[in-house]
Protein backbone atom coordinates (compact mmCIF):
# COMPACT_ATOMS: atom_id res chain seq x y z
CA MET A 1 279.45 -27.94 46.20
CA GLU A 2 283.32 -27.04 46.62
CA LEU A 3 285.54 -24.49 45.85
CA LYS A 4 288.99 -24.52 44.50
CA VAL A 5 291.27 -22.23 46.33
CA GLU A 6 292.68 -20.89 42.86
CA GLU A 7 289.16 -19.51 41.82
CA LEU A 8 288.94 -18.30 46.01
CA LYS A 9 291.95 -16.63 45.20
CA GLU A 10 291.08 -15.09 41.71
CA SER A 11 287.45 -13.70 43.34
CA ASN A 12 287.54 -10.22 43.98
CA GLU A 13 284.43 -10.50 46.34
CA PHE A 14 286.25 -13.41 48.31
CA LEU A 15 289.54 -11.46 48.84
CA ALA A 16 287.32 -8.14 49.26
CA ASP A 17 285.46 -9.76 52.38
CA LEU A 18 288.88 -11.16 53.63
CA TYR A 19 290.94 -7.78 53.40
CA GLU A 20 287.67 -6.01 55.88
CA HIS A 21 287.28 -9.10 58.04
CA LEU A 22 290.74 -9.08 59.62
CA THR A 23 291.48 -8.92 62.74
CA THR A 24 295.03 -7.72 61.19
CA ALA A 25 295.06 -3.96 60.78
CA ILE A 26 296.36 -3.25 56.90
CA PHE A 27 297.06 0.00 54.72
CA LEU A 28 298.72 0.63 51.66
CA ALA A 29 301.00 3.49 51.71
CA ASP A 30 302.87 5.45 48.72
CA SER A 31 306.46 6.97 48.42
CA GLU A 32 305.61 10.09 50.67
CA THR A 33 304.66 7.57 53.61
CA ARG A 34 301.23 8.88 53.19
CA LEU A 35 297.96 6.56 53.33
CA VAL A 36 296.45 5.75 50.13
CA HIS A 37 294.07 2.90 51.92
CA PHE A 38 293.31 0.81 54.86
CA ASN A 39 290.71 -1.64 56.23
CA ASN A 40 288.23 -1.85 58.89
CA SER A 41 290.41 -3.27 61.40
CA PHE A 42 292.94 0.06 60.67
CA THR A 43 290.23 2.34 62.18
CA THR A 44 289.01 0.22 64.49
CA LEU A 45 292.79 -0.22 65.63
CA PHE A 46 293.64 3.60 66.27
CA HIS A 47 289.76 4.82 66.83
CA ARG A 48 289.76 7.55 63.46
CA PRO A 49 287.10 8.28 60.48
CA GLU A 50 288.14 7.50 56.96
CA ASP A 51 288.74 11.12 56.89
CA ALA A 52 291.15 11.79 59.59
CA ILE A 53 293.24 9.12 58.13
CA LEU A 54 293.13 9.47 54.21
CA GLY A 55 295.89 10.92 52.26
CA GLU A 56 297.82 11.69 56.03
CA LEU A 57 301.35 10.69 56.32
CA CYS A 58 301.65 7.75 58.46
CA GLY A 59 302.79 9.05 61.80
CA ASN A 60 299.80 11.67 61.65
CA ALA A 61 297.49 8.95 60.65
CA ILE A 62 297.51 6.35 63.61
CA GLY A 63 298.16 9.07 66.02
CA CYS A 64 301.86 8.83 66.96
CA ALA A 65 302.28 11.36 69.77
CA PHE A 66 305.71 12.83 68.63
CA PRO A 67 304.21 14.98 65.91
CA LEU A 68 301.63 16.51 68.33
CA ASP A 69 304.24 16.70 70.94
CA GLU A 70 306.65 18.98 68.69
CA GLY A 71 304.17 20.71 66.99
CA THR A 72 305.03 18.96 63.18
CA ASP A 73 304.73 16.51 60.92
CA CYS A 74 305.42 12.65 60.84
CA GLY A 75 309.38 12.58 59.01
CA HIS A 76 309.53 16.03 60.82
CA THR A 77 310.07 14.66 63.99
CA SER A 78 313.43 13.95 66.16
CA LYS A 79 312.36 10.70 67.11
CA CYS A 80 311.26 10.24 63.14
CA PRO A 81 314.96 9.18 62.08
CA SER A 82 314.56 5.87 64.71
CA CYS A 83 311.12 5.17 63.60
CA PRO A 84 311.41 1.32 62.85
CA LEU A 85 307.99 1.45 61.20
CA ARG A 86 308.91 4.78 58.71
CA ALA A 87 312.50 3.35 58.44
CA SER A 88 310.16 0.30 56.64
CA ILE A 89 308.36 2.08 54.72
CA VAL A 90 311.26 4.24 53.30
CA SER A 91 313.38 0.85 52.92
CA ALA A 92 310.20 -0.73 50.69
CA PHE A 93 310.84 1.75 48.18
CA THR A 94 314.38 2.77 48.20
CA ALA A 95 315.87 -0.85 48.44
CA GLY A 96 312.75 -3.17 47.58
CA GLN A 97 313.47 -4.38 51.32
CA SER A 98 310.46 -6.48 53.29
CA THR A 99 310.66 -6.01 56.67
CA TYR A 100 309.20 -9.25 59.04
CA GLY A 101 307.54 -9.13 62.20
CA GLU A 102 309.60 -5.76 63.75
CA GLU A 103 307.92 -4.05 67.03
CA LEU A 104 306.95 -0.80 67.52
CA GLU A 105 306.36 0.48 71.36
CA ARG A 106 305.13 4.21 71.95
CA GLU A 107 302.34 6.68 73.22
CA PHE A 108 299.84 7.21 70.73
CA VAL A 109 297.22 10.46 70.87
CA LEU A 110 293.79 8.43 70.62
CA GLU A 111 290.48 10.19 70.90
CA GLY A 112 292.20 12.58 72.94
CA ARG A 113 293.64 10.08 75.39
CA ARG A 114 297.40 9.03 75.43
CA ILE A 115 297.80 5.48 74.95
CA ARG A 116 300.78 3.27 75.46
CA LYS A 117 300.39 0.79 72.32
CA LYS A 118 302.89 -1.89 71.21
CA LEU A 119 302.81 -3.05 67.59
CA ARG A 120 304.14 -5.71 65.49
CA PHE A 121 304.25 -5.17 61.45
CA THR A 122 305.15 -6.47 58.19
CA THR A 123 305.95 -4.23 55.15
CA LYS A 124 306.00 -5.20 51.69
CA LEU A 125 306.53 -3.41 48.61
CA ARG A 126 303.71 -4.06 45.90
CA SER A 127 302.14 -2.94 42.69
CA TYR A 128 298.96 -2.24 41.95
CA ARG A 129 297.83 -0.84 38.10
CA GLY A 130 301.46 0.32 37.58
CA THR A 131 301.98 2.08 41.07
CA LEU A 132 304.31 0.84 43.61
CA TYR A 133 302.78 1.12 47.00
CA ALA A 134 303.99 -0.35 50.74
CA LEU A 135 301.75 -2.97 52.30
CA VAL A 136 302.09 -2.91 55.98
CA LEU A 137 300.19 -5.14 58.13
CA LEU A 138 299.47 -4.17 61.80
CA ASP A 139 299.27 -6.11 64.84
CA ASP A 140 298.29 -4.88 68.64
CA VAL A 141 300.68 -7.03 70.88
CA THR A 142 300.08 -4.61 73.97
CA ALA A 143 298.31 -7.19 75.91
CA LEU A 144 300.64 -9.86 74.83
CA ALA A 145 303.32 -7.70 75.68
CA GLU A 146 301.86 -6.97 79.27
CA VAL A 147 301.11 -10.95 80.25
CA ARG A 148 304.85 -11.42 78.84
CA GLU A 149 306.31 -8.79 81.42
CA GLU A 150 303.81 -10.50 84.09
CA LEU A 151 305.39 -13.67 83.71
CA ARG A 152 308.80 -12.45 83.52
CA ALA A 153 307.80 -10.61 86.79
CA ALA A 154 306.59 -13.48 88.35
CA ASN A 155 309.58 -15.86 87.38
CA ALA A 156 311.69 -13.45 88.80
CA GLU A 157 309.69 -13.52 91.94
CA LEU A 158 309.98 -17.21 92.17
CA ALA A 159 313.94 -17.46 91.38
CA ARG A 160 314.39 -15.14 94.42
CA ARG A 161 311.93 -17.00 96.77
CA ASN A 162 313.50 -19.95 95.22
CA ALA A 163 316.80 -19.23 96.15
CA GLU A 164 315.81 -17.67 99.77
CA LEU A 165 314.18 -21.14 100.20
CA ARG A 166 317.53 -22.97 99.50
CA ALA A 167 319.40 -20.74 101.20
CA LEU A 168 317.39 -20.70 104.18
CA VAL A 169 317.08 -25.18 103.93
CA ASP A 170 321.06 -24.98 103.64
CA SER A 171 321.46 -23.14 106.35
CA LEU A 172 319.19 -25.38 108.53
CA ALA A 173 320.72 -28.12 107.31
CA ASP A 174 324.07 -26.84 108.06
CA GLU A 175 322.69 -26.05 111.60
CA LEU A 176 321.29 -30.11 112.29
CA VAL A 177 324.42 -31.08 111.07
CA ALA A 178 326.70 -29.29 113.24
CA GLY A 179 323.72 -29.56 116.25
CA ALA A 180 323.88 -33.57 115.60
CA LYS A 181 327.63 -33.72 115.85
CA ALA A 182 327.86 -31.55 119.36
CA LEU A 183 325.06 -33.54 120.54
CA SER A 184 326.76 -36.99 120.08
CA ARG A 185 329.87 -35.03 122.32
CA GLU A 186 327.30 -34.40 125.07
CA ILE A 187 325.83 -37.18 124.94
CA SER A 188 328.34 -39.74 124.84
CA GLY A 189 327.09 -42.58 126.67
CA ARG A 190 323.60 -41.96 126.98
CA GLU A 191 322.41 -44.33 124.39
CA GLU A 192 318.74 -44.19 124.55
CA LEU A 193 318.57 -40.15 124.14
CA ALA A 194 321.66 -40.13 121.21
CA ARG A 195 319.01 -43.08 119.21
CA GLU A 196 315.97 -40.31 120.19
CA LEU A 197 317.84 -37.33 119.13
CA ARG A 198 319.73 -39.16 115.98
CA ASP A 199 316.06 -40.55 114.78
CA ARG A 200 314.69 -36.73 115.60
CA LEU A 201 317.28 -35.20 113.26
CA GLY A 202 317.35 -37.66 110.30
CA ASN A 203 313.48 -37.55 110.04
CA LEU A 204 313.18 -33.92 109.82
CA LEU A 205 315.92 -33.50 107.09
CA GLN A 206 313.70 -36.19 105.21
CA VAL A 207 310.60 -33.59 105.58
CA ILE A 208 312.59 -30.60 105.08
CA GLY A 209 313.38 -32.26 101.53
CA ALA A 210 310.11 -33.33 100.99
CA LEU A 211 308.58 -29.55 102.19
CA VAL A 212 310.43 -27.80 99.43
CA ARG A 213 309.68 -29.84 96.57
CA ASP A 214 306.29 -28.28 95.69
CA ASN A 215 307.88 -24.94 94.63
CA GLU A 216 306.79 -24.71 91.20
CA THR A 217 304.84 -21.55 91.48
CA VAL A 218 305.04 -18.82 93.80
CA ARG A 219 302.05 -19.56 95.80
CA GLY A 220 304.26 -22.83 95.93
CA SER A 221 307.04 -21.30 96.85
CA GLN A 222 305.46 -19.44 99.25
CA ARG A 223 303.83 -22.84 101.05
CA ALA A 224 307.03 -24.55 101.17
CA ALA A 225 308.79 -21.77 103.09
CA ALA A 226 305.64 -21.46 105.06
CA ARG A 227 305.98 -25.20 105.95
CA ILE A 228 309.58 -24.71 107.12
CA ALA A 229 308.58 -22.44 109.19
CA ALA A 230 305.58 -24.45 111.09
CA VAL A 231 307.94 -27.39 111.52
CA THR A 232 310.93 -25.00 112.92
CA ALA A 233 307.90 -23.71 115.30
CA ALA A 234 307.50 -27.12 116.52
CA TYR A 235 311.05 -27.88 117.36
CA ALA A 236 311.72 -24.46 118.64
CA ALA A 237 308.99 -25.19 121.48
CA ALA A 238 310.28 -29.35 121.84
CA ARG A 239 312.12 -30.35 125.25
CA TYR A 240 312.95 -33.88 125.99
CA GLU A 241 311.43 -35.11 128.98
CA GLN A 242 310.76 -38.38 130.12
CA GLY A 243 311.99 -40.36 127.28
CA ARG A 244 310.73 -38.44 124.60
CA ALA A 245 310.64 -34.93 123.12
CA LEU A 246 307.22 -33.01 123.80
CA VAL A 247 306.18 -29.55 122.61
CA ASP A 248 304.92 -26.62 124.83
CA VAL A 249 301.24 -26.61 123.65
CA ALA A 250 300.97 -22.36 124.36
CA GLU A 251 304.58 -21.98 123.10
CA PHE A 252 304.13 -23.62 120.07
CA ALA A 253 300.55 -22.38 119.20
CA ARG A 254 301.72 -18.74 119.68
CA THR A 255 305.01 -19.23 117.54
CA LEU A 256 302.65 -21.13 114.66
CA GLY A 257 299.84 -18.24 114.36
CA ALA A 258 302.49 -15.49 114.26
CA SER A 259 304.40 -17.15 111.13
CA VAL A 260 302.45 -19.29 109.06
CA ALA A 261 299.21 -17.65 109.17
CA VAL A 262 300.68 -14.46 108.47
CA GLU A 263 302.62 -15.66 105.90
CA ALA A 264 299.26 -17.22 104.31
CA GLY A 265 297.57 -13.90 104.81
CA ALA A 266 295.37 -15.33 107.34
CA ARG A 267 294.24 -13.96 110.70
CA TYR A 268 294.53 -16.04 113.70
CA LEU A 269 293.65 -16.00 117.40
CA TRP A 270 294.03 -18.84 120.35
CA THR A 271 291.18 -19.25 122.67
CA ASP A 272 290.68 -21.72 125.62
CA MET A 273 294.41 -22.40 125.23
CA LEU A 274 295.46 -24.45 128.54
CA GLU A 275 298.80 -25.54 129.55
CA GLY A 276 299.78 -29.08 128.56
CA GLN A 277 302.28 -30.51 126.07
CA ALA A 278 302.18 -32.74 123.10
CA GLY A 279 304.44 -35.14 120.95
CA LEU A 280 306.80 -33.86 118.67
CA ASP A 281 305.48 -36.19 115.90
CA GLU A 282 301.88 -34.48 116.87
CA ALA A 283 303.40 -31.25 116.70
CA LEU A 284 304.48 -31.90 113.53
CA ALA A 285 301.66 -33.27 112.25
CA PHE A 286 299.65 -30.49 113.56
CA ALA A 287 302.02 -27.80 111.92
CA ILE A 288 302.21 -28.95 108.16
CA ALA A 289 298.22 -29.96 108.30
CA VAL A 290 297.83 -26.29 110.02
CA THR A 291 299.94 -25.00 106.65
CA ASP A 292 298.40 -26.97 103.78
CA VAL A 293 294.71 -25.84 104.48
CA LEU A 294 295.84 -22.44 105.15
CA PHE A 295 297.61 -22.35 101.75
CA ALA A 296 294.38 -24.55 99.64
CA THR A 297 292.85 -21.00 99.05
CA ASP A 298 293.93 -17.80 97.84
CA ALA A 299 290.90 -16.09 99.43
CA PRO A 300 291.40 -14.27 103.25
CA ALA A 301 291.31 -17.08 105.90
CA ARG A 302 291.04 -17.10 109.77
CA LEU A 303 292.48 -19.49 111.92
CA GLU A 304 291.65 -20.46 115.75
CA LEU A 305 293.70 -22.49 118.13
CA ALA A 306 292.40 -23.90 120.86
CA THR A 307 292.99 -26.95 123.36
CA GLU A 308 289.53 -28.66 124.24
CA ASP A 309 289.11 -32.65 125.43
CA ALA A 310 292.80 -33.14 125.55
CA ARG A 311 293.25 -31.96 121.92
CA LEU A 312 294.93 -29.16 119.94
CA CYS A 313 292.58 -28.20 117.54
CA ALA A 314 292.70 -25.81 114.62
CA LEU A 315 289.45 -24.48 113.07
CA ILE A 316 290.32 -22.81 109.76
CA GLU A 317 287.74 -20.36 108.30
CA GLY A 318 287.37 -19.87 104.31
CA ALA A 319 289.57 -22.92 103.40
CA LEU A 320 288.24 -24.59 100.47
CA VAL A 321 285.83 -28.12 100.59
CA ILE A 322 287.97 -30.37 102.19
CA ASN A 323 288.00 -34.19 99.73
CA GLU A 324 289.26 -37.38 100.86
CA ASP A 325 292.34 -37.13 97.81
CA ASP A 326 293.41 -33.67 99.50
CA PHE A 327 296.30 -33.03 101.73
CA ARG A 328 297.80 -36.69 101.58
CA LEU A 329 301.01 -35.74 103.16
CA ALA A 330 298.71 -34.03 105.86
CA ARG A 331 296.20 -36.50 106.33
CA LEU A 332 299.40 -39.47 106.20
CA LEU A 333 301.31 -37.49 109.30
CA LEU A 334 297.90 -37.22 111.25
CA GLY A 335 296.81 -41.07 110.67
CA ARG A 336 300.43 -42.01 112.53
CA VAL A 337 299.18 -40.06 115.70
CA SER A 338 295.34 -40.22 115.98
CA GLY A 339 294.90 -36.69 114.44
CA GLU A 340 291.82 -35.94 112.27
CA LEU A 341 291.43 -33.63 109.30
CA ARG A 342 287.57 -33.13 108.72
CA ALA A 343 285.59 -30.30 106.53
CA VAL A 344 282.90 -27.96 108.72
CA ALA A 345 281.13 -25.47 107.71
CA GLY A 346 282.79 -22.47 105.96
CA GLY A 347 286.42 -24.52 106.07
CA ALA A 348 288.26 -27.14 108.03
CA ARG A 349 288.85 -28.30 111.45
CA LEU A 350 291.86 -30.98 112.28
CA CYS A 351 293.20 -32.23 115.93
CA VAL A 352 296.08 -33.98 117.86
CA PRO A 353 296.18 -35.33 120.95
CA VAL A 354 297.82 -33.20 123.53
CA ARG A 355 298.46 -34.13 127.38
CA LEU A 356 297.09 -31.28 129.44
């Protein structure tokens, strides 16, 4: 059987059921702002029995803290003239004015506890059997307001970190350009070294651009900053020897652990760290791979660095399960230098070749 909308509107049973089961709290108030009727959601929202509400002034009925604090009734406290809910009821009677989607935030005393709530309300003047009442609909938007505040704070933190990141990138880029110009003057006539350094500087600027793209979230911004710190650690330990840029493994490992691991919130240590050198390409691939795996999880991780079998290796415990499609940038860089990244029990392990 198909019910028509008009038949539903005329059904007192349907309307009463709808009224009592709406999640919105509803009440009727007279011209003195005393409650004459309310639904179940109203008593649920304010944790008060029916006999403590019926006939009470609006502020007293909903547990507004101001009457309790000042020892008087709703309508007589120092805060009442600025109360938007009371004003909406009064203006409904005096001017026939409706109020839509206004908000009220304050402390309420509910079951003996002071609780701060944010309410959104709509007020309309309605007539029932020749008597005018203010119809008020209330929704508790406290949780929504808290989520909005958390989102605002997260966005502010993200903007702050992005600004720091941009400043860091700009500063690093300026230093690189200035260094390139100075080196060009210093190594005039040494074409092989000049070409190597120009290539390195150009590649680094490209890497920096790639590293800062993934910063849409606070965690992404932290990872981008950590990636730059990792790249900086590799270059800080680099020396030009035997026709190529080489990195001191021990110095690089200490700097990487102290900067990137700490930024990711991970514990770190190094064992069996032998003296040796790695190519700059190997060090860069290792640094970025370690950073990406550490930031793949919010859980606490442990980073252990060691040299073994002519390789610099990292064991990261507490990382996510490693799949073939994960960490594409890290896998690409490791693949170019004969490195590896694979899953192990409880985490991940990655290595690059070094000269011991």
